[in-house]
PDB file of N, CA and C in Angstrom:
ATOM      1  N   UNK A   1       1.503 -27.003 -19.051  1.00  0.00           N
ATOM      2  CA  UNK A   1       2.529 -26.421 -18.213  1.00  0.00           C
ATOM      3  C   UNK A   1       1.980 -25.166 -17.514  1.00  0.00           C
ATOM      4  N   UNK A   2       2.252 -25.051 -16.246  1.00  0.00           N
ATOM      5  CA  UNK A   2       1.757 -23.944 -15.440  1.00  0.00           C
ATOM      6  C   UNK A   2       2.379 -22.613 -15.878  1.00  0.00           C
ATOM      7  N   UNK A   3       1.552 -21.587 -16.014  1.00  0.00           N
ATOM      8  CA  UNK A   3       1.996 -20.244 -16.393  1.00  0.00           C
ATOM      9  C   UNK A   3       2.213 -19.416 -15.128  1.00  0.00           C
ATOM     10  N   UNK A   4       3.464 -19.186 -14.760  1.00  0.00           N
ATOM     11  CA  UNK A   4       3.786 -18.436 -13.540  1.00  0.00           C
ATOM     12  C   UNK A   4       3.432 -16.955 -13.623  1.00  0.00           C
ATOM     13  N   UNK A   5       2.973 -16.498 -14.783  1.00  0.00           N
ATOM     14  CA  UNK A   5       2.583 -15.100 -14.944  1.00  0.00           C
ATOM     15  C   UNK A   5       1.079 -14.903 -15.014  1.00  0.00           C
ATOM     16  N   UNK A   6       0.293 -15.929 -14.645  1.00  0.00           N
ATOM     17  CA  UNK A   6      -1.159 -15.734 -14.645  1.00  0.00           C
ATOM     18  C   UNK A   6      -1.538 -14.773 -13.516  1.00  0.00           C
ATOM     19  N   UNK A   7      -2.719 -14.195 -13.617  1.00  0.00           N
ATOM     20  CA  UNK A   7      -3.146 -13.149 -12.685  1.00  0.00           C
ATOM     21  C   UNK A   7      -3.178 -13.636 -11.238  1.00  0.00           C
ATOM     22  N   UNK A   8      -3.535 -14.878 -10.983  1.00  0.00           N
ATOM     23  CA  UNK A   8      -3.584 -15.366  -9.601  1.00  0.00           C
ATOM     24  C   UNK A   8      -2.181 -15.561  -9.037  1.00  0.00           C
ATOM     25  N   UNK A   9      -1.241 -15.996  -9.863  1.00  0.00           N
ATOM     26  CA  UNK A   9       0.148 -16.101  -9.412  1.00  0.00           C
ATOM     27  C   UNK A   9       0.675 -14.718  -9.033  1.00  0.00           C
ATOM     28  N   UNK A  10       0.287 -13.708  -9.799  1.00  0.00           N
ATOM     29  CA  UNK A  10       0.705 -12.333  -9.495  1.00  0.00           C
ATOM     30  C   UNK A  10       0.055 -11.829  -8.209  1.00  0.00           C
ATOM     31  N   UNK A  11      -1.190 -12.221  -7.955  1.00  0.00           N
ATOM     32  CA  UNK A  11      -1.848 -11.848  -6.693  1.00  0.00           C
ATOM     33  C   UNK A  11      -1.120 -12.505  -5.522  1.00  0.00           C
ATOM     34  N   UNK A  12      -0.769 -13.781  -5.652  1.00  0.00           N
ATOM     35  CA  UNK A  12      -0.042 -14.481  -4.591  1.00  0.00           C
ATOM     36  C   UNK A  12       1.277 -13.777  -4.291  1.00  0.00           C
ATOM     37  N   UNK A  13       1.974 -13.342  -5.325  1.00  0.00           N
ATOM     38  CA  UNK A  13       3.266 -12.663  -5.146  1.00  0.00           C
ATOM     39  C   UNK A  13       3.118 -11.209  -4.710  1.00  0.00           C
ATOM     40  N   UNK A  14       1.895 -10.687  -4.660  1.00  0.00           N
ATOM     41  CA  UNK A  14       1.668  -9.306  -4.253  1.00  0.00           C
ATOM     42  C   UNK A  14       1.886  -8.297  -5.358  1.00  0.00           C
ATOM     43  N   UNK A  15       1.999  -8.751  -6.597  1.00  0.00           N
ATOM     44  CA  UNK A  15       2.210  -7.851  -7.736  1.00  0.00           C
ATOM     45  C   UNK A  15       0.915  -7.187  -8.191  1.00  0.00           C
ATOM     46  N   UNK A  16      -0.207  -7.810  -7.888  1.00  0.00           N
ATOM     47  CA  UNK A  16      -1.532  -7.265  -8.203  1.00  0.00           C
ATOM     48  C   UNK A  16      -2.314  -7.241  -6.892  1.00  0.00           C
ATOM     49  N   UNK A  17      -2.945  -6.115  -6.564  1.00  0.00           N
ATOM     50  CA  UNK A  17      -3.710  -6.052  -5.312  1.00  0.00           C
ATOM     51  C   UNK A  17      -4.998  -6.872  -5.390  1.00  0.00           C
ATOM     52  N   UNK A  18      -5.468  -7.275  -4.219  1.00  0.00           N
ATOM     53  CA  UNK A  18      -6.751  -7.973  -4.118  1.00  0.00           C
ATOM     54  C   UNK A  18      -7.393  -7.593  -2.793  1.00  0.00           C
ATOM     55  N   UNK A  19      -8.690  -7.803  -2.709  1.00  0.00           N
ATOM     56  CA  UNK A  19      -9.415  -7.566  -1.462  1.00  0.00           C
ATOM     57  C   UNK A  19      -9.473  -8.895  -0.720  1.00  0.00           C
ATOM     58  N   UNK A  20      -8.427  -9.164   0.069  1.00  0.00           N
ATOM     59  CA  UNK A  20      -8.289 -10.438   0.759  1.00  0.00           C
ATOM     60  C   UNK A  20      -9.382 -10.624   1.798  1.00  0.00           C
ATOM     61  N   UNK A  21      -9.843 -11.869   1.878  1.00  0.00           N
ATOM     62  CA  UNK A  21     -10.808 -12.260   2.894  1.00  0.00           C
ATOM     63  C   UNK A  21     -10.100 -13.047   3.986  1.00  0.00           C
ATOM     64  N   UNK A  22      -9.265 -14.002   3.579  1.00  0.00           N
ATOM     65  CA  UNK A  22      -8.560 -14.864   4.528  1.00  0.00           C
ATOM     66  C   UNK A  22      -7.327 -15.444   3.842  1.00  0.00           C
ATOM     67  N   UNK A  23      -6.304 -15.763   4.633  1.00  0.00           N
ATOM     68  CA  UNK A  23      -5.135 -16.451   4.080  1.00  0.00           C
ATOM     69  C   UNK A  23      -4.467 -17.279   5.158  1.00  0.00           C
ATOM     70  N   UNK A  24      -3.799 -18.336   4.722  1.00  0.00           N
ATOM     71  CA  UNK A  24      -2.963 -19.151   5.591  1.00  0.00           C
ATOM     72  C   UNK A  24      -1.702 -19.506   4.803  1.00  0.00           C
ATOM     73  N   UNK A  25      -0.912 -20.420   5.309  1.00  0.00           N
ATOM     74  CA  UNK A  25       0.357 -20.764   4.654  1.00  0.00           C
ATOM     75  C   UNK A  25       0.157 -21.439   3.297  1.00  0.00           C
ATOM     76  N   UNK A  26      -1.023 -21.999   3.040  1.00  0.00           N
ATOM     77  CA  UNK A  26      -1.239 -22.812   1.842  1.00  0.00           C
ATOM     78  C   UNK A  26      -2.198 -22.219   0.820  1.00  0.00           C
ATOM     79  N   UNK A  27      -2.987 -21.230   1.226  1.00  0.00           N
ATOM     80  CA  UNK A  27      -4.015 -20.689   0.331  1.00  0.00           C
ATOM     81  C   UNK A  27      -4.389 -19.285   0.753  1.00  0.00           C
ATOM     82  N   UNK A  28      -5.075 -18.601  -0.154  1.00  0.00           N
ATOM     83  CA  UNK A  28      -5.639 -17.302   0.187  1.00  0.00           C
ATOM     84  C   UNK A  28      -6.956 -17.124  -0.551  1.00  0.00           C
ATOM     85  N   UNK A  29      -7.782 -16.258   0.005  1.00  0.00           N
ATOM     86  CA  UNK A  29      -9.072 -15.960  -0.617  1.00  0.00           C
ATOM     87  C   UNK A  29      -9.223 -14.459  -0.744  1.00  0.00           C
ATOM     88  N   UNK A  30     -10.003 -14.076  -1.738  1.00  0.00           N
ATOM     89  CA  UNK A  30     -10.229 -12.660  -2.008  1.00  0.00           C
ATOM     90  C   UNK A  30     -11.551 -12.513  -2.756  1.00  0.00           C
ATOM     91  N   UNK A  31     -12.082 -11.299  -2.762  1.00  0.00           N
ATOM     92  CA  UNK A  31     -13.339 -11.028  -3.445  1.00  0.00           C
ATOM     93  C   UNK A  31     -13.121 -10.992  -4.952  1.00  0.00           C
ATOM     94  N   UNK A  32     -14.064 -11.556  -5.699  1.00  0.00           N
ATOM     95  CA  UNK A  32     -14.003 -11.568  -7.159  1.00  0.00           C
ATOM     96  C   UNK A  32     -14.222 -10.147  -7.682  1.00  0.00           C
ATOM     97  N   UNK A  33     -13.443  -9.735  -8.687  1.00  0.00           N
ATOM     98  CA  UNK A  33     -13.584  -8.377  -9.231  1.00  0.00           C
ATOM     99  C   UNK A  33     -14.783  -8.252 -10.174  1.00  0.00           C
ATOM    100  N   UNK A  34     -15.358  -9.385 -10.599  1.00  0.00           N
ATOM    101  CA  UNK A  34     -16.531  -9.384 -11.475  1.00  0.00           C
ATOM    102  C   UNK A  34     -17.547 -10.368 -10.896  1.00  0.00           C
ATOM    103  N   UNK A  35     -18.162 -10.003  -9.762  1.00  0.00           N
ATOM    104  CA  UNK A  35     -18.987 -10.958  -9.018  1.00  0.00           C
ATOM    105  C   UNK A  35     -20.252 -11.405  -9.750  1.00  0.00           C
ATOM    106  N   UNK A  36     -20.624 -12.666  -9.498  1.00  0.00           N
ATOM    107  CA  UNK A  36     -21.855 -13.230 -10.040  1.00  0.00           C
ATOM    108  C   UNK A  36     -23.012 -13.070  -9.058  1.00  0.00           C
ATOM    109  N   UNK A  37     -22.710 -12.696  -7.819  1.00  0.00           N
ATOM    110  CA  UNK A  37     -23.723 -12.515  -6.779  1.00  0.00           C
ATOM    111  C   UNK A  37     -23.190 -11.493  -5.774  1.00  0.00           C
ATOM    112  N   UNK A  38     -24.032 -11.136  -4.829  1.00  0.00           N
ATOM    113  CA  UNK A  38     -23.620 -10.131  -3.853  1.00  0.00           C
ATOM    114  C   UNK A  38     -22.446 -10.605  -3.001  1.00  0.00           C
ATOM    115  N   UNK A  39     -22.278 -11.908  -2.860  1.00  0.00           N
ATOM    116  CA  UNK A  39     -21.088 -12.476  -2.219  1.00  0.00           C
ATOM    117  C   UNK A  39     -20.431 -13.391  -3.247  1.00  0.00           C
ATOM    118  N   UNK A  40     -19.201 -13.088  -3.610  1.00  0.00           N
ATOM    119  CA  UNK A  40     -18.462 -13.918  -4.567  1.00  0.00           C
ATOM    120  C   UNK A  40     -16.984 -13.801  -4.254  1.00  0.00           C
ATOM    121  N   UNK A  41     -16.439 -14.878  -3.691  1.00  0.00           N
ATOM    122  CA  UNK A  41     -15.017 -14.924  -3.355  1.00  0.00           C
ATOM    123  C   UNK A  41     -14.350 -16.064  -4.108  1.00  0.00           C
ATOM    124  N   UNK A  42     -13.052 -15.949  -4.258  1.00  0.00           N
ATOM    125  CA  UNK A  42     -12.236 -16.993  -4.870  1.00  0.00           C
ATOM    126  C   UNK A  42     -11.232 -17.475  -3.836  1.00  0.00           C
ATOM    127  N   UNK A  43     -10.992 -18.775  -3.809  1.00  0.00           N
ATOM    128  CA  UNK A  43      -9.977 -19.355  -2.939  1.00  0.00           C
ATOM    129  C   UNK A  43      -8.949 -20.026  -3.840  1.00  0.00           C
ATOM    130  N   UNK A  44      -7.664 -19.692  -3.639  1.00  0.00           N
ATOM    131  CA  UNK A  44      -6.610 -20.234  -4.491  1.00  0.00           C
ATOM    132  C   UNK A  44      -5.490 -20.824  -3.632  1.00  0.00           C
ATOM    133  N   UNK A  45      -4.916 -21.937  -4.079  1.00  0.00           N
ATOM    134  CA  UNK A  45      -3.745 -22.453  -3.372  1.00  0.00           C
ATOM    135  C   UNK A  45      -2.519 -21.613  -3.714  1.00  0.00           C
ATOM    136  N   UNK A  46      -1.554 -21.579  -2.840  1.00  0.00           N
ATOM    137  CA  UNK A  46      -0.321 -20.839  -3.106  1.00  0.00           C
ATOM    138  C   UNK A  46       0.590 -21.598  -4.076  1.00  0.00           C
ATOM    139  N   UNK A  47       0.377 -22.902  -4.211  1.00  0.00           N
ATOM    140  CA  UNK A  47       1.199 -23.712  -5.107  1.00  0.00           C
ATOM    141  C   UNK A  47       0.803 -23.548  -6.563  1.00  0.00           C
ATOM    142  N   UNK A  48       1.672 -24.017  -7.432  1.00  0.00           N
ATOM    143  CA  UNK A  48       1.498 -23.898  -8.885  1.00  0.00           C
ATOM    144  C   UNK A  48       0.652 -25.047  -9.432  1.00  0.00           C
ATOM    145  N   UNK A  49      -0.664 -24.915  -9.342  1.00  0.00           N
ATOM    146  CA  UNK A  49      -1.588 -25.941  -9.826  1.00  0.00           C
ATOM    147  C   UNK A  49      -2.514 -25.329 -10.861  1.00  0.00           C
ATOM    148  N   UNK A  50      -2.607 -25.952 -12.018  1.00  0.00           N
ATOM    149  CA  UNK A  50      -3.416 -25.418 -13.112  1.00  0.00           C
ATOM    150  C   UNK A  50      -4.910 -25.528 -12.863  1.00  0.00           C
ATOM    151  N   UNK A  51      -5.348 -26.620 -12.259  1.00  0.00           N
ATOM    152  CA  UNK A  51      -6.783 -26.857 -12.078  1.00  0.00           C
ATOM    153  C   UNK A  51      -6.994 -27.842 -10.935  1.00  0.00           C
ATOM    154  N   UNK A  52      -8.257 -28.161 -10.664  1.00  0.00           N
ATOM    155  CA  UNK A  52      -8.586 -29.038  -9.543  1.00  0.00           C
ATOM    156  C   UNK A  52      -7.978 -30.427  -9.713  1.00  0.00           C
ATOM    157  N   UNK A  53      -7.968 -30.947 -10.931  1.00  0.00           N
ATOM    158  CA  UNK A  53      -7.414 -32.279 -11.155  1.00  0.00           C
ATOM    159  C   UNK A  53      -5.919 -32.306 -10.875  1.00  0.00           C
ATOM    160  N   UNK A  54      -5.203 -31.277 -11.294  1.00  0.00           N
ATOM    161  CA  UNK A  54      -3.777 -31.145 -11.020  1.00  0.00           C
ATOM    162  C   UNK A  54      -3.550 -31.064  -9.512  1.00  0.00           C
ATOM    163  N   UNK A  55      -4.347 -30.252  -8.833  1.00  0.00           N
ATOM    164  CA  UNK A  55      -4.238 -30.096  -7.383  1.00  0.00           C
ATOM    165  C   UNK A  55      -4.513 -31.417  -6.674  1.00  0.00           C
ATOM    166  N   UNK A  56      -5.581 -32.106  -7.047  1.00  0.00           N
ATOM    167  CA  UNK A  56      -5.953 -33.363  -6.403  1.00  0.00           C
ATOM    168  C   UNK A  56      -4.864 -34.425  -6.576  1.00  0.00           C
ATOM    169  N   UNK A  57      -4.236 -34.448  -7.739  1.00  0.00           N
ATOM    170  CA  UNK A  57      -3.221 -35.461  -8.030  1.00  0.00           C
ATOM    171  C   UNK A  57      -1.856 -35.139  -7.447  1.00  0.00           C
ATOM    172  N   UNK A  58      -1.526 -33.857  -7.301  1.00  0.00           N
ATOM    173  CA  UNK A  58      -0.144 -33.488  -7.009  1.00  0.00           C
ATOM    174  C   UNK A  58       0.100 -32.703  -5.722  1.00  0.00           C
ATOM    175  N   UNK A  59      -0.918 -32.140  -5.127  1.00  0.00           N
ATOM    176  CA  UNK A  59      -0.722 -31.370  -3.897  1.00  0.00           C
ATOM    177  C   UNK A  59      -0.454 -32.314  -2.723  1.00  0.00           C
ATOM    178  N   UNK A  60       0.326 -31.831  -1.780  1.00  0.00           N
ATOM    179  CA  UNK A  60       0.585 -32.622  -0.567  1.00  0.00           C
ATOM    180  C   UNK A  60      -0.669 -32.627   0.313  1.00  0.00           C
ATOM    181  N   UNK A  61      -0.691 -33.536   1.266  1.00  0.00           N
ATOM    182  CA  UNK A  61      -1.818 -33.576   2.203  1.00  0.00           C
ATOM    183  C   UNK A  61      -1.934 -32.260   2.967  1.00  0.00           C
ATOM    184  N   UNK A  62      -0.806 -31.670   3.357  1.00  0.00           N
ATOM    185  CA  UNK A  62      -0.835 -30.390   4.065  1.00  0.00           C
ATOM    186  C   UNK A  62      -1.428 -29.285   3.187  1.00  0.00           C
ATOM    187  N   UNK A  63      -1.062 -29.272   1.903  1.00  0.00           N
ATOM    188  CA  UNK A  63      -1.618 -28.272   0.988  1.00  0.00           C
ATOM    189  C   UNK A  63      -3.128 -28.450   0.846  1.00  0.00           C
ATOM    190  N   UNK A  64      -3.582 -29.685   0.735  1.00  0.00           N
ATOM    191  CA  UNK A  64      -5.026 -29.943   0.598  1.00  0.00           C
ATOM    192  C   UNK A  64      -5.762 -29.520   1.861  1.00  0.00           C
ATOM    193  N   UNK A  65      -5.254 -29.891   3.015  1.00  0.00           N
ATOM    194  CA  UNK A  65      -5.896 -29.486   4.268  1.00  0.00           C
ATOM    195  C   UNK A  65      -5.896 -27.971   4.427  1.00  0.00           C
ATOM    196  N   UNK A  66      -4.778 -27.341   4.103  1.00  0.00           N
ATOM    197  CA  UNK A  66      -4.684 -25.892   4.201  1.00  0.00           C
ATOM    198  C   UNK A  66      -5.635 -25.183   3.254  1.00  0.00           C
ATOM    199  N   UNK A  67      -5.772 -25.734   2.039  1.00  0.00           N
ATOM    200  CA  UNK A  67      -6.685 -25.143   1.065  1.00  0.00           C
ATOM    201  C   UNK A  67      -8.122 -25.195   1.584  1.00  0.00           C
ATOM    202  N   UNK A  68      -8.551 -26.374   2.034  1.00  0.00           N
ATOM    203  CA  UNK A  68      -9.939 -26.494   2.478  1.00  0.00           C
ATOM    204  C   UNK A  68     -10.192 -25.793   3.810  1.00  0.00           C
ATOM    205  N   UNK A  69      -9.156 -25.615   4.628  1.00  0.00           N
ATOM    206  CA  UNK A  69      -9.285 -24.762   5.806  1.00  0.00           C
ATOM    207  C   UNK A  69      -9.568 -23.329   5.365  1.00  0.00           C
ATOM    208  N   UNK A  70      -8.883 -22.885   4.313  1.00  0.00           N
ATOM    209  CA  UNK A  70      -9.101 -21.536   3.782  1.00  0.00           C
ATOM    210  C   UNK A  70     -10.510 -21.391   3.219  1.00  0.00           C
ATOM    211  N   UNK A  71     -11.006 -22.420   2.533  1.00  0.00           N
ATOM    212  CA  UNK A  71     -12.391 -22.404   2.028  1.00  0.00           C
ATOM    213  C   UNK A  71     -13.349 -22.219   3.199  1.00  0.00           C
ATOM    214  N   UNK A  72     -13.167 -23.019   4.245  1.00  0.00           N
ATOM    215  CA  UNK A  72     -14.053 -22.968   5.406  1.00  0.00           C
ATOM    216  C   UNK A  72     -13.984 -21.617   6.120  1.00  0.00           C
ATOM    217  N   UNK A  73     -12.785 -21.123   6.366  1.00  0.00           N
ATOM    218  CA  UNK A  73     -12.629 -19.847   7.070  1.00  0.00           C
ATOM    219  C   UNK A  73     -13.160 -18.685   6.232  1.00  0.00           C
ATOM    220  N   UNK A  74     -13.034 -18.779   4.919  1.00  0.00           N
ATOM    221  CA  UNK A  74     -13.575 -17.734   4.040  1.00  0.00           C
ATOM    222  C   UNK A  74     -15.088 -17.701   4.148  1.00  0.00           C
ATOM    223  N   UNK A  75     -15.719 -18.854   4.070  1.00  0.00           N
ATOM    224  CA  UNK A  75     -17.178 -18.920   4.202  1.00  0.00           C
ATOM    225  C   UNK A  75     -17.614 -18.359   5.556  1.00  0.00           C
ATOM    226  N   UNK A  76     -16.901 -18.720   6.612  1.00  0.00           N
ATOM    227  CA  UNK A  76     -17.225 -18.197   7.947  1.00  0.00           C
ATOM    228  C   UNK A  76     -17.115 -16.673   7.987  1.00  0.00           C
ATOM    229  N   UNK A  77     -16.016 -16.132   7.478  1.00  0.00           N
ATOM    230  CA  UNK A  77     -15.809 -14.679   7.500  1.00  0.00           C
ATOM    231  C   UNK A  77     -16.865 -13.934   6.688  1.00  0.00           C
ATOM    232  N   UNK A  78     -17.332 -14.557   5.609  1.00  0.00           N
ATOM    233  CA  UNK A  78     -18.350 -13.928   4.768  1.00  0.00           C
ATOM    234  C   UNK A  78     -19.766 -14.181   5.285  1.00  0.00           C
ATOM    235  N   UNK A  79     -19.908 -14.994   6.333  1.00  0.00           N
ATOM    236  CA  UNK A  79     -21.219 -15.315   6.888  1.00  0.00           C
ATOM    237  C   UNK A  79     -22.040 -16.218   5.983  1.00  0.00           C
ATOM    238  N   UNK A  80     -21.352 -17.051   5.208  1.00  0.00           N
ATOM    239  CA  UNK A  80     -22.010 -17.899   4.214  1.00  0.00           C
ATOM    240  C   UNK A  80     -22.328 -19.268   4.803  1.00  0.00           C
ATOM    241  N   UNK A  81     -23.594 -19.667   4.685  1.00  0.00           N
ATOM    242  CA  UNK A  81     -23.989 -21.045   5.023  1.00  0.00           C
ATOM    243  C   UNK A  81     -24.665 -21.715   3.836  1.00  0.00           C
ATOM    244  N   UNK A  82     -25.362 -20.942   3.011  1.00  0.00           N
ATOM    245  CA  UNK A  82     -25.990 -21.455   1.789  1.00  0.00           C
ATOM    246  C   UNK A  82     -25.283 -20.811   0.611  1.00  0.00           C
ATOM    247  N   UNK A  83     -24.706 -21.644  -0.259  1.00  0.00           N
ATOM    248  CA  UNK A  83     -23.923 -21.079  -1.349  1.00  0.00           C
ATOM    249  C   UNK A  83     -23.670 -22.122  -2.439  1.00  0.00           C
ATOM    250  N   UNK A  84     -23.093 -21.679  -3.515  1.00  0.00           N
ATOM    251  CA  UNK A  84     -22.513 -22.558  -4.528  1.00  0.00           C
ATOM    252  C   UNK A  84     -21.017 -22.490  -4.352  1.00  0.00           C
ATOM    253  N   UNK A  85     -20.373 -23.655  -4.385  1.00  0.00           N
ATOM    254  CA  UNK A  85     -18.905 -23.730  -4.403  1.00  0.00           C
ATOM    255  C   UNK A  85     -18.549 -24.593  -5.592  1.00  0.00           C
ATOM    256  N   UNK A  86     -17.682 -24.063  -6.445  1.00  0.00           N
ATOM    257  CA  UNK A  86     -17.321 -24.825  -7.636  1.00  0.00           C
ATOM    258  C   UNK A  86     -15.973 -24.385  -8.172  1.00  0.00           C
ATOM    259  N   UNK A  87     -15.406 -25.278  -8.988  1.00  0.00           N
ATOM    260  CA  UNK A  87     -14.138 -24.987  -9.662  1.00  0.00           C
ATOM    261  C   UNK A  87     -14.249 -25.495 -11.087  1.00  0.00           C
ATOM    262  N   UNK A  88     -14.091 -24.619 -12.045  1.00  0.00           N
ATOM    263  CA  UNK A  88     -14.072 -25.019 -13.451  1.00  0.00           C
ATOM    264  C   UNK A  88     -12.700 -25.594 -13.778  1.00  0.00           C
ATOM    265  N   UNK A  89     -12.676 -26.553 -14.690  1.00  0.00           N
ATOM    266  CA  UNK A  89     -11.421 -27.164 -15.118  1.00  0.00           C
ATOM    267  C   UNK A  89     -11.393 -27.196 -16.637  1.00  0.00           C
ATOM    268  N   UNK A  90     -10.448 -26.494 -17.234  1.00  0.00           N
ATOM    269  CA  UNK A  90     -10.322 -26.466 -18.686  1.00  0.00           C
ATOM    270  C   UNK A  90     -11.292 -25.497 -19.334  1.00  0.00           C
ATOM    271  N   UNK A  91     -11.415 -25.602 -20.631  1.00  0.00           N
ATOM    272  CA  UNK A  91     -12.256 -24.692 -21.412  1.00  0.00           C
ATOM    273  C   UNK A  91     -13.253 -25.469 -22.256  1.00  0.00           C
ATOM    274  N   UNK A  92     -14.009 -26.343 -21.617  1.00  0.00           N
ATOM    275  CA  UNK A  92     -14.976 -27.174 -22.310  1.00  0.00           C
ATOM    276  C   UNK A  92     -16.194 -26.415 -22.785  1.00  0.00           C
ATOM    277  N   UNK A  93     -17.112 -27.132 -23.338  1.00  0.00           N
ATOM    278  CA  UNK A  93     -18.320 -26.570 -23.930  1.00  0.00           C
ATOM    279  C   UNK A  93     -19.217 -25.910 -22.881  1.00  0.00           C
ATOM    280  N   UNK A  94     -19.354 -26.506 -21.702  1.00  0.00           N
ATOM    281  CA  UNK A  94     -20.337 -26.031 -20.731  1.00  0.00           C
ATOM    282  C   UNK A  94     -19.793 -24.993 -19.764  1.00  0.00           C
ATOM    283  N   UNK A  95     -18.564 -25.123 -19.358  1.00  0.00           N
ATOM    284  CA  UNK A  95     -17.952 -24.194 -18.414  1.00  0.00           C
ATOM    285  C   UNK A  95     -16.540 -23.893 -18.876  1.00  0.00           C
ATOM    286  N   UNK A  96     -16.025 -22.760 -18.442  1.00  0.00           N
ATOM    287  CA  UNK A  96     -14.657 -22.428 -18.830  1.00  0.00           C
ATOM    288  C   UNK A  96     -13.881 -21.957 -17.610  1.00  0.00           C
ATOM    289  N   UNK A  97     -12.616 -22.312 -17.589  1.00  0.00           N
ATOM    290  CA  UNK A  97     -11.721 -21.857 -16.536  1.00  0.00           C
ATOM    291  C   UNK A  97     -11.022 -20.613 -17.052  1.00  0.00           C
ATOM    292  N   UNK A  98     -11.341 -19.468 -16.488  1.00  0.00           N
ATOM    293  CA  UNK A  98     -10.831 -18.201 -17.023  1.00  0.00           C
ATOM    294  C   UNK A  98      -9.372 -17.931 -16.684  1.00  0.00           C
ATOM    295  N   UNK A  99      -8.876 -18.477 -15.582  1.00  0.00           N
ATOM    296  CA  UNK A  99      -7.474 -18.296 -15.190  1.00  0.00           C
ATOM    297  C   UNK A  99      -6.873 -19.682 -14.976  1.00  0.00           C
ATOM    298  N   UNK A 100      -5.718 -19.972 -15.589  1.00  0.00           N
ATOM    299  CA  UNK A 100      -5.127 -21.308 -15.484  1.00  0.00           C
ATOM    300  C   UNK A 100      -4.382 -21.550 -14.166  1.00  0.00           C
ATOM    301  N   UNK A 101      -5.046 -21.244 -13.067  1.00  0.00           N
ATOM    302  CA  UNK A 101      -4.561 -21.526 -11.716  1.00  0.00           C
ATOM    303  C   UNK A 101      -5.786 -22.043 -10.964  1.00  0.00           C
ATOM    304  N   UNK A 102      -5.673 -23.198 -10.317  1.00  0.00           N
ATOM    305  CA  UNK A 102      -6.807 -23.770  -9.598  1.00  0.00           C
ATOM    306  C   UNK A 102      -7.431 -22.730  -8.674  1.00  0.00           C
ATOM    307  N   UNK A 103      -8.738 -22.583  -8.768  1.00  0.00           N
ATOM    308  CA  UNK A 103      -9.455 -21.677  -7.880  1.00  0.00           C
ATOM    309  C   UNK A 103     -10.873 -22.183  -7.645  1.00  0.00           C
ATOM    310  N   UNK A 104     -11.328 -21.999  -6.425  1.00  0.00           N
ATOM    311  CA  UNK A 104     -12.675 -22.385  -6.007  1.00  0.00           C
ATOM    312  C   UNK A 104     -13.489 -21.112  -5.861  1.00  0.00           C
ATOM    313  N   UNK A 105     -14.673 -21.102  -6.472  1.00  0.00           N
ATOM    314  CA  UNK A 105     -15.605 -19.991  -6.323  1.00  0.00           C
ATOM    315  C   UNK A 105     -16.506 -20.270  -5.122  1.00  0.00           C
ATOM    316  N   UNK A 106     -16.776 -19.257  -4.332  1.00  0.00           N
ATOM    317  CA  UNK A 106     -17.814 -19.291  -3.292  1.00  0.00           C
ATOM    318  C   UNK A 106     -18.790 -18.189  -3.670  1.00  0.00           C
ATOM    319  N   UNK A 107     -20.005 -18.592  -4.061  1.00  0.00           N
ATOM    320  CA  UNK A 107     -21.000 -17.648  -4.568  1.00  0.00           C
ATOM    321  C   UNK A 107     -22.266 -17.769  -3.722  1.00  0.00           C
ATOM    322  N   UNK A 108     -22.727 -16.636  -3.191  1.00  0.00           N
ATOM    323  CA  UNK A 108     -23.917 -16.632  -2.338  1.00  0.00           C
ATOM    324  C   UNK A 108     -24.612 -15.282  -2.429  1.00  0.00           C
ATOM    325  N   UNK A 109     -25.779 -15.223  -1.817  1.00  0.00           N
ATOM    326  CA  UNK A 109     -26.518 -13.966  -1.798  1.00  0.00           C
ATOM    327  C   UNK A 109     -27.307 -13.759  -3.071  1.00  0.00           C
ATOM    328  N   UNK A 110     -27.641 -12.518  -3.326  1.00  0.00           N
ATOM    329  CA  UNK A 110     -28.469 -12.167  -4.473  1.00  0.00           C
ATOM    330  C   UNK A 110     -27.706 -12.339  -5.782  1.00  0.00           C
ATOM    331  N   UNK A 111     -28.348 -13.002  -6.734  1.00  0.00           N
ATOM    332  CA  UNK A 111     -27.737 -13.274  -8.033  1.00  0.00           C
ATOM    333  C   UNK A 111     -27.575 -11.981  -8.834  1.00  0.00           C
ATOM    334  N   UNK A 112     -26.395 -11.816  -9.442  1.00  0.00           N
ATOM    335  CA  UNK A 112     -26.133 -10.691 -10.314  1.00  0.00           C
ATOM    336  C   UNK A 112     -26.072 -11.162 -11.768  1.00  0.00           C
ATOM    337  N   UNK A 113     -25.433 -12.329 -11.986  1.00  0.00           N
ATOM    338  CA  UNK A 113     -25.356 -12.895 -13.335  1.00  0.00           C
ATOM    339  C   UNK A 113     -25.295 -14.414 -13.250  1.00  0.00           C
ATOM    340  N   UNK A 114     -25.418 -15.053 -14.384  1.00  0.00           N
ATOM    341  CA  UNK A 114     -25.431 -16.505 -14.494  1.00  0.00           C
ATOM    342  C   UNK A 114     -24.059 -17.081 -14.183  1.00  0.00           C
ATOM    343  N   UNK A 115     -23.982 -18.005 -13.216  1.00  0.00           N
ATOM    344  CA  UNK A 115     -22.681 -18.567 -12.854  1.00  0.00           C
ATOM    345  C   UNK A 115     -22.105 -19.503 -13.913  1.00  0.00           C
ATOM    346  N   UNK A 116     -22.911 -19.952 -14.853  1.00  0.00           N
ATOM    347  CA  UNK A 116     -22.359 -20.823 -15.900  1.00  0.00           C
ATOM    348  C   UNK A 116     -21.469 -20.074 -16.868  1.00  0.00           C
ATOM    349  N   UNK A 117     -21.407 -18.756 -16.759  1.00  0.00           N
ATOM    350  CA  UNK A 117     -20.528 -17.976 -17.633  1.00  0.00           C
ATOM    351  C   UNK A 117     -19.163 -17.723 -16.997  1.00  0.00           C
ATOM    352  N   UNK A 118     -18.952 -18.192 -15.785  1.00  0.00           N
ATOM    353  CA  UNK A 118     -17.694 -17.925 -15.075  1.00  0.00           C
ATOM    354  C   UNK A 118     -16.599 -18.861 -15.546  1.00  0.00           C
TER     355      UNK A 118
END
């Protein structure tokens, strides 16, 4: 069950500040507060989706298009052409999802820490 009090839900509602990069009606992006590289942004849908699988199964076509438009515009605004883009799902052995709201990482530039710890 989706937790409406997770940190990303609070950012969407404006209860917690963020350094926004781009936003549209369906998603927003902001700089990560604990970056893994010199460029590290997160893109989140405005809807209540726990992870990528939930989003893929339940988001409308407009939400999906809006989300990936936000991914693209964020990369453009950050000047990113070579990067890692990924979304962790769940808390498995190899990767962990730190916030139970679907989010895509855009990581580029000089490495600061290992992305497998995100």
